Amino acid sequence: MPPIWNALIRTHHITSRKKVAKLRQAASNLNVYALLRSGGCPGIMYCEGHESGVKDWVSTVQRLRYKDYQLATKPAELQLESDDAEVKSREVPVGKLEELDSVKDFGARMEKLGVLQWWRKGMGYVNEP
């Protein structure tokens, strides 16, 4: 089974329902899982799946020309941060995009996915050692 990859994108905000619909369609077509923090500042996008799907999804986001687009963490092989059995056996719904309303909820989801420290570093909340 090929390795899972992930990427993190920050934008000024995510409010356009047309753009969200295009991202939802791209997640489905590329068979990746995407998570958005929409509705206000900052806009946060997380994506995971197979290498080509993640890279193509990131390209799709870039083509939509979001204000203050930043590829916070480039597509790379997923590194789980926990040996917890629940995290290791996590089921991520590929081909799906989910939206959250708050940064707090986004952080909680990142923790559940086993990538909280990676996310915090990508968001600039912690300094590199």
N, C-alpha and C. Protein backbone atom coordinates (compact mmCIF):
# COMPACT_ATOMS: atom_id res chain seq x y z
N MET A 1 0.85 -1.20 0.00
CA MET A 1 0.00 0.00 0.00
C MET A 1 0.88 1.25 0.00
N PRO A 2 0.64 2.18 -0.92
CA PRO A 2 1.49 3.39 -0.98
C PRO A 2 1.30 4.25 0.27
N PRO A 3 2.34 5.01 0.60
CA PRO A 3 2.25 5.86 1.80
C PRO A 3 1.22 6.98 1.64
N ILE A 4 0.72 7.44 2.78
CA ILE A 4 -0.23 8.57 2.82
C ILE A 4 0.59 9.85 2.94
N TRP A 5 0.16 10.87 2.22
CA TRP A 5 0.80 12.19 2.25
C TRP A 5 -0.17 13.19 2.82
N ASN A 6 0.37 14.34 3.28
CA ASN A 6 -0.50 15.43 3.72
C ASN A 6 0.13 16.77 3.40
N ALA A 7 -0.69 17.81 3.52
CA ALA A 7 -0.25 19.19 3.25
C ALA A 7 -1.15 20.13 4.03
N LEU A 8 -0.62 21.33 4.31
CA LEU A 8 -1.35 22.35 5.05
C LEU A 8 -1.25 23.69 4.33
N ILE A 9 -2.39 24.34 4.16
CA ILE A 9 -2.45 25.64 3.48
C ILE A 9 -3.13 26.65 4.39
N ARG A 10 -2.58 27.86 4.42
CA ARG A 10 -3.23 28.98 5.13
C ARG A 10 -3.61 30.03 4.10
N THR A 11 -4.76 30.66 4.35
CA THR A 11 -5.21 31.77 3.51
C THR A 11 -5.76 32.85 4.44
N HIS A 12 -6.06 34.00 3.85
CA HIS A 12 -6.65 35.07 4.65
C HIS A 12 -7.99 34.64 5.21
N HIS A 13 -8.85 34.11 4.34
CA HIS A 13 -10.15 33.60 4.77
C HIS A 13 -10.70 32.67 3.69
N ILE A 14 -11.72 31.90 4.06
CA ILE A 14 -12.41 31.03 3.11
C ILE A 14 -13.90 31.33 3.27
N THR A 15 -14.45 32.11 2.35
CA THR A 15 -15.86 32.46 2.45
C THR A 15 -16.65 32.14 1.18
N SER A 16 -15.99 32.04 0.03
CA SER A 16 -16.69 31.82 -1.23
C SER A 16 -17.24 30.40 -1.31
N ARG A 17 -18.58 30.29 -1.38
CA ARG A 17 -19.20 28.97 -1.47
C ARG A 17 -18.88 28.32 -2.82
N LYS A 18 -18.67 29.13 -3.87
CA LYS A 18 -18.30 28.58 -5.18
C LYS A 18 -16.94 27.90 -5.11
N LYS A 19 -15.99 28.55 -4.44
CA LYS A 19 -14.66 27.96 -4.31
C LYS A 19 -14.71 26.70 -3.44
N VAL A 20 -15.49 26.74 -2.37
CA VAL A 20 -15.62 25.56 -1.51
C VAL A 20 -16.22 24.40 -2.31
N ALA A 21 -17.20 24.69 -3.15
CA ALA A 21 -17.80 23.65 -3.98
C ALA A 21 -16.76 23.05 -4.93
N LYS A 22 -15.89 23.89 -5.49
CA LYS A 22 -14.82 23.39 -6.37
C LYS A 22 -13.83 22.53 -5.59
N LEU A 23 -13.53 22.93 -4.35
CA LEU A 23 -12.62 22.14 -3.52
C LEU A 23 -13.25 20.81 -3.13
N ARG A 24 -14.55 20.83 -2.85
CA ARG A 24 -15.27 19.60 -2.51
C ARG A 24 -15.22 18.63 -3.71
N GLN A 25 -15.45 19.16 -4.90
CA GLN A 25 -15.41 18.34 -6.11
C GLN A 25 -14.00 17.80 -6.35
N ALA A 26 -12.98 18.64 -6.13
CA ALA A 26 -11.60 18.20 -6.31
C ALA A 26 -11.25 17.09 -5.32
N ALA A 27 -11.69 17.22 -4.06
CA ALA A 27 -11.43 16.16 -3.07
C ALA A 27 -12.04 14.85 -3.52
N SER A 28 -13.25 14.92 -4.06
CA SER A 28 -13.92 13.72 -4.56
C SER A 28 -13.18 13.14 -5.77
N ASN A 29 -12.87 13.98 -6.73
CA ASN A 29 -12.21 13.52 -7.96
C ASN A 29 -10.82 12.97 -7.71
N LEU A 30 -10.09 13.58 -6.77
CA LEU A 30 -8.70 13.19 -6.49
C LEU A 30 -8.60 12.14 -5.39
N ASN A 31 -9.74 11.79 -4.80
CA ASN A 31 -9.80 10.76 -3.76
C ASN A 31 -8.91 11.10 -2.56
N VAL A 32 -9.03 12.36 -2.09
CA VAL A 32 -8.29 12.81 -0.90
C VAL A 32 -9.29 13.24 0.17
N TYR A 33 -8.79 13.34 1.39
CA TYR A 33 -9.58 13.89 2.49
C TYR A 33 -9.12 15.32 2.67
N ALA A 34 -10.07 16.25 2.70
CA ALA A 34 -9.75 17.66 2.90
C ALA A 34 -10.56 18.20 4.06
N LEU A 35 -9.93 19.04 4.85
CA LEU A 35 -10.58 19.66 5.99
C LEU A 35 -10.36 21.17 5.88
N LEU A 36 -11.43 21.94 5.96
CA LEU A 36 -11.34 23.40 5.85
C LEU A 36 -11.82 24.07 7.12
N ARG A 37 -11.17 25.15 7.48
CA ARG A 37 -11.68 26.07 8.51
C ARG A 37 -12.18 27.26 7.70
N SER A 38 -13.49 27.37 7.56
CA SER A 38 -14.06 28.40 6.69
C SER A 38 -14.89 29.39 7.49
N GLY A 39 -15.24 30.48 6.83
CA GLY A 39 -16.12 31.46 7.43
C GLY A 39 -15.44 32.70 7.95
N GLY A 40 -14.16 32.64 8.26
CA GLY A 40 -13.48 33.81 8.81
C GLY A 40 -11.98 33.68 8.67
N CYS A 41 -11.28 34.55 9.38
CA CYS A 41 -9.82 34.57 9.34
C CYS A 41 -9.28 33.74 10.50
N PRO A 42 -8.25 32.96 10.34
CA PRO A 42 -7.62 32.61 9.07
C PRO A 42 -8.36 31.47 8.39
N GLY A 43 -8.14 31.33 7.09
CA GLY A 43 -8.62 30.16 6.38
C GLY A 43 -7.55 29.09 6.51
N ILE A 44 -7.95 27.89 6.85
CA ILE A 44 -6.99 26.78 7.01
C ILE A 44 -7.50 25.61 6.18
N MET A 45 -6.58 24.96 5.46
CA MET A 45 -6.92 23.79 4.67
C MET A 45 -5.91 22.69 4.93
N TYR A 46 -6.44 21.51 5.26
CA TYR A 46 -5.62 20.33 5.46
C TYR A 46 -6.04 19.30 4.43
N CYS A 47 -5.09 18.59 3.88
CA CYS A 47 -5.39 17.57 2.89
C CYS A 47 -4.51 16.36 3.14
N GLU A 48 -5.09 15.17 2.99
CA GLU A 48 -4.28 13.96 3.04
C GLU A 48 -4.82 12.92 2.08
N GLY A 49 -3.91 12.10 1.59
CA GLY A 49 -4.25 11.06 0.63
C GLY A 49 -2.97 10.56 -0.02
N HIS A 50 -3.11 9.97 -1.19
CA HIS A 50 -1.92 9.51 -1.90
C HIS A 50 -1.19 10.70 -2.50
N GLU A 51 0.10 10.55 -2.75
CA GLU A 51 0.97 11.65 -3.17
C GLU A 51 0.38 12.47 -4.32
N SER A 52 -0.02 11.82 -5.40
CA SER A 52 -0.50 12.57 -6.57
C SER A 52 -1.79 13.33 -6.24
N GLY A 53 -2.68 12.73 -5.47
CA GLY A 53 -3.92 13.40 -5.10
C GLY A 53 -3.69 14.64 -4.27
N VAL A 54 -2.78 14.54 -3.28
CA VAL A 54 -2.48 15.69 -2.42
C VAL A 54 -1.83 16.81 -3.23
N LYS A 55 -0.87 16.46 -4.05
CA LYS A 55 -0.20 17.49 -4.87
C LYS A 55 -1.18 18.17 -5.83
N ASP A 56 -2.06 17.37 -6.43
CA ASP A 56 -3.04 17.94 -7.36
C ASP A 56 -4.07 18.80 -6.63
N TRP A 57 -4.44 18.39 -5.41
CA TRP A 57 -5.40 19.18 -4.64
C TRP A 57 -4.78 20.54 -4.26
N VAL A 58 -3.52 20.52 -3.85
CA VAL A 58 -2.82 21.77 -3.53
C VAL A 58 -2.77 22.68 -4.76
N SER A 59 -2.52 22.10 -5.92
CA SER A 59 -2.51 22.90 -7.17
C SER A 59 -3.88 23.49 -7.45
N THR A 60 -4.93 22.72 -7.17
CA THR A 60 -6.30 23.22 -7.35
C THR A 60 -6.55 24.43 -6.46
N VAL A 61 -6.14 24.34 -5.21
CA VAL A 61 -6.31 25.46 -4.28
C VAL A 61 -5.56 26.68 -4.79
N GLN A 62 -4.34 26.48 -5.24
CA GLN A 62 -3.51 27.59 -5.72
C GLN A 62 -4.16 28.27 -6.92
N ARG A 63 -4.75 27.50 -7.81
CA ARG A 63 -5.41 28.07 -9.00
C ARG A 63 -6.63 28.91 -8.64
N LEU A 64 -7.23 28.66 -7.48
CA LEU A 64 -8.41 29.43 -7.07
C LEU A 64 -8.04 30.81 -6.54
N ARG A 65 -6.75 31.08 -6.41
CA ARG A 65 -6.24 32.41 -6.07
C ARG A 65 -6.80 32.98 -4.78
N TYR A 66 -6.58 32.28 -3.71
CA TYR A 66 -6.99 32.77 -2.40
C TYR A 66 -6.08 33.91 -1.95
N LYS A 67 -6.65 34.89 -1.27
CA LYS A 67 -5.88 36.01 -0.73
C LYS A 67 -4.92 35.49 0.33
N ASP A 68 -3.68 35.94 0.29
CA ASP A 68 -2.63 35.54 1.24
C ASP A 68 -2.40 34.03 1.26
N TYR A 69 -2.49 33.38 0.09
CA TYR A 69 -2.25 31.95 -0.01
C TYR A 69 -0.84 31.63 0.48
N GLN A 70 -0.74 30.68 1.40
CA GLN A 70 0.57 30.23 1.89
C GLN A 70 0.53 28.71 2.00
N LEU A 71 1.45 28.04 1.32
CA LEU A 71 1.60 26.61 1.48
C LEU A 71 2.43 26.42 2.75
N ALA A 72 1.74 26.32 3.89
CA ALA A 72 2.38 26.30 5.20
C ALA A 72 3.26 25.08 5.38
N THR A 73 2.79 23.94 4.89
CA THR A 73 3.56 22.70 4.94
C THR A 73 3.39 22.00 3.61
N LYS A 74 4.48 21.90 2.86
CA LYS A 74 4.44 21.30 1.53
C LYS A 74 4.01 19.84 1.61
N PRO A 75 3.43 19.33 0.52
CA PRO A 75 3.06 17.91 0.51
C PRO A 75 4.26 17.03 0.83
N ALA A 76 4.05 16.13 1.78
CA ALA A 76 5.10 15.20 2.21
C ALA A 76 4.44 13.98 2.83
N GLU A 77 5.22 12.95 3.04
CA GLU A 77 4.69 11.73 3.63
C GLU A 77 4.21 11.99 5.06
N LEU A 78 3.03 11.49 5.36
CA LEU A 78 2.39 11.67 6.67
C LEU A 78 3.23 10.99 7.76
N GLN A 79 3.47 11.72 8.85
CA GLN A 79 4.17 11.18 10.01
C GLN A 79 3.25 11.28 11.21
N LEU A 80 2.69 10.16 11.63
CA LEU A 80 1.84 10.16 12.82
C LEU A 80 2.68 10.43 14.05
N GLU A 81 2.14 11.20 14.98
CA GLU A 81 2.89 11.61 16.17
C GLU A 81 2.57 10.77 17.39
N SER A 82 1.69 9.80 17.23
CA SER A 82 1.24 9.05 18.39
C SER A 82 1.28 7.56 18.11
N ASP A 83 1.59 6.80 19.15
CA ASP A 83 1.52 5.34 19.06
C ASP A 83 0.18 4.84 19.54
N ASP A 84 -0.72 5.77 19.87
CA ASP A 84 -2.06 5.42 20.34
C ASP A 84 -2.76 4.54 19.30
N ALA A 85 -3.35 3.45 19.74
CA ALA A 85 -4.01 2.51 18.84
C ALA A 85 -5.13 3.17 18.06
N GLU A 86 -5.86 4.09 18.69
CA GLU A 86 -6.97 4.78 18.01
C GLU A 86 -6.46 5.65 16.86
N VAL A 87 -5.32 6.32 17.09
CA VAL A 87 -4.74 7.16 16.04
C VAL A 87 -4.22 6.29 14.91
N LYS A 88 -3.52 5.21 15.26
CA LYS A 88 -2.94 4.33 14.24
C LYS A 88 -3.99 3.65 13.38
N SER A 89 -5.15 3.40 13.95
CA SER A 89 -6.20 2.69 13.21
C SER A 89 -7.26 3.66 12.67
N ARG A 90 -6.95 4.94 12.65
CA ARG A 90 -7.92 5.95 12.24
C ARG A 90 -8.42 5.71 10.83
N GLU A 91 -9.69 5.99 10.64
CA GLU A 91 -10.32 5.88 9.33
C GLU A 91 -10.57 7.30 8.82
N VAL A 92 -9.92 7.67 7.74
CA VAL A 92 -10.11 8.99 7.16
C VAL A 92 -10.95 8.82 5.90
N PRO A 93 -12.05 9.56 5.81
CA PRO A 93 -12.95 9.40 4.66
C PRO A 93 -12.39 10.02 3.38
N VAL A 94 -11.76 9.20 2.53
CA VAL A 94 -11.18 9.73 1.29
C VAL A 94 -12.29 10.15 0.34
N GLY A 95 -11.96 11.13 -0.51
CA GLY A 95 -12.94 11.64 -1.45
C GLY A 95 -13.95 12.56 -0.80
N LYS A 96 -13.59 13.11 0.36
CA LYS A 96 -14.54 13.92 1.12
C LYS A 96 -13.88 15.21 1.61
N LEU A 97 -14.68 16.27 1.67
CA LEU A 97 -14.25 17.54 2.24
C LEU A 97 -15.18 17.84 3.41
N GLU A 98 -14.58 18.20 4.54
CA GLU A 98 -15.35 18.61 5.71
C GLU A 98 -14.99 20.04 6.06
N GLU A 99 -15.95 20.76 6.66
CA GLU A 99 -15.71 22.14 7.08
C GLU A 99 -15.91 22.27 8.57
N LEU A 100 -15.05 23.08 9.19
CA LEU A 100 -15.16 23.41 10.61
C LEU A 100 -15.24 24.92 10.73
N ASP A 101 -15.86 25.39 11.83
CA ASP A 101 -16.05 26.83 12.02
C ASP A 101 -14.96 27.52 12.81
N SER A 102 -14.20 26.77 13.63
CA SER A 102 -13.24 27.44 14.50
C SER A 102 -11.86 26.81 14.43
N VAL A 103 -10.86 27.62 14.76
CA VAL A 103 -9.48 27.14 14.82
C VAL A 103 -9.36 26.10 15.94
N LYS A 104 -10.09 26.32 17.03
CA LYS A 104 -10.07 25.37 18.15
C LYS A 104 -10.54 23.98 17.70
N ASP A 105 -11.65 23.95 16.95
CA ASP A 105 -12.15 22.67 16.44
C ASP A 105 -11.17 22.05 15.46
N PHE A 106 -10.51 22.88 14.65
CA PHE A 106 -9.54 22.39 13.68
C PHE A 106 -8.38 21.73 14.43
N GLY A 107 -7.90 22.39 15.49
CA GLY A 107 -6.82 21.82 16.30
C GLY A 107 -7.21 20.50 16.93
N ALA A 108 -8.45 20.42 17.41
CA ALA A 108 -8.93 19.18 18.01
C ALA A 108 -8.96 18.06 16.97
N ARG A 109 -9.35 18.39 15.72
CA ARG A 109 -9.37 17.38 14.67
C ARG A 109 -7.95 16.95 14.31
N MET A 110 -7.02 17.91 14.30
CA MET A 110 -5.62 17.56 14.00
C MET A 110 -5.08 16.60 15.06
N GLU A 111 -5.46 16.85 16.32
CA GLU A 111 -5.03 15.95 17.40
C GLU A 111 -5.60 14.55 17.18
N LYS A 112 -6.86 14.49 16.82
CA LYS A 112 -7.53 13.19 16.59
C LYS A 112 -6.87 12.44 15.43
N LEU A 113 -6.40 13.20 14.43
CA LEU A 113 -5.74 12.60 13.27
C LEU A 113 -4.28 12.25 13.54
N GLY A 114 -3.76 12.66 14.71
CA GLY A 114 -2.38 12.33 15.08
C GLY A 114 -1.33 13.22 14.47
N VAL A 115 -1.70 14.48 14.13
CA VAL A 115 -0.76 15.41 13.51
C VAL A 115 -0.79 16.80 14.17
N LEU A 116 -1.14 16.85 15.45
CA LEU A 116 -1.30 18.14 16.13
C LEU A 116 -0.02 18.97 16.14
N GLN A 117 1.11 18.40 16.53
CA GLN A 117 2.35 19.17 16.60
C GLN A 117 2.80 19.62 15.21
N TRP A 118 2.64 18.75 14.23
CA TRP A 118 2.95 19.10 12.84
C TRP A 118 2.11 20.31 12.41
N TRP A 119 0.81 20.29 12.75
CA TRP A 119 -0.10 21.38 12.41
C TRP A 119 0.29 22.66 13.14
N ARG A 120 0.57 22.55 14.44
CA ARG A 120 0.94 23.74 15.22
C ARG A 120 2.21 24.38 14.67
N LYS A 121 3.16 23.55 14.26
CA LYS A 121 4.40 24.07 13.67
C LYS A 121 4.09 24.76 12.33
N GLY A 122 3.26 24.12 11.49
CA GLY A 122 2.89 24.69 10.21
C GLY A 122 2.14 26.01 10.33
N MET A 123 1.34 26.12 11.38
CA MET A 123 0.57 27.35 11.61
C MET A 123 1.43 28.46 12.23
N GLY A 124 2.64 28.11 12.69
CA GLY A 124 3.51 29.11 13.29
C GLY A 124 3.25 29.30 14.78
N TYR A 125 2.55 28.36 15.41
CA TYR A 125 2.23 28.46 16.83
C TYR A 125 3.41 28.03 17.72
N VAL A 126 4.33 27.26 17.17
CA VAL A 126 5.51 26.82 17.91
C VAL A 126 6.74 27.04 17.06
N ASN A 127 7.86 27.31 17.74
CA ASN A 127 9.12 27.49 17.03
C ASN A 127 9.80 26.15 16.83
N GLU A 128 10.57 26.06 15.76
CA GLU A 128 11.32 24.83 15.53
C GLU A 128 12.45 24.74 16.54
N PRO A 129 12.73 23.53 17.04
CA PRO A 129 13.83 23.37 18.01
C PRO A 129 15.18 23.61 17.39
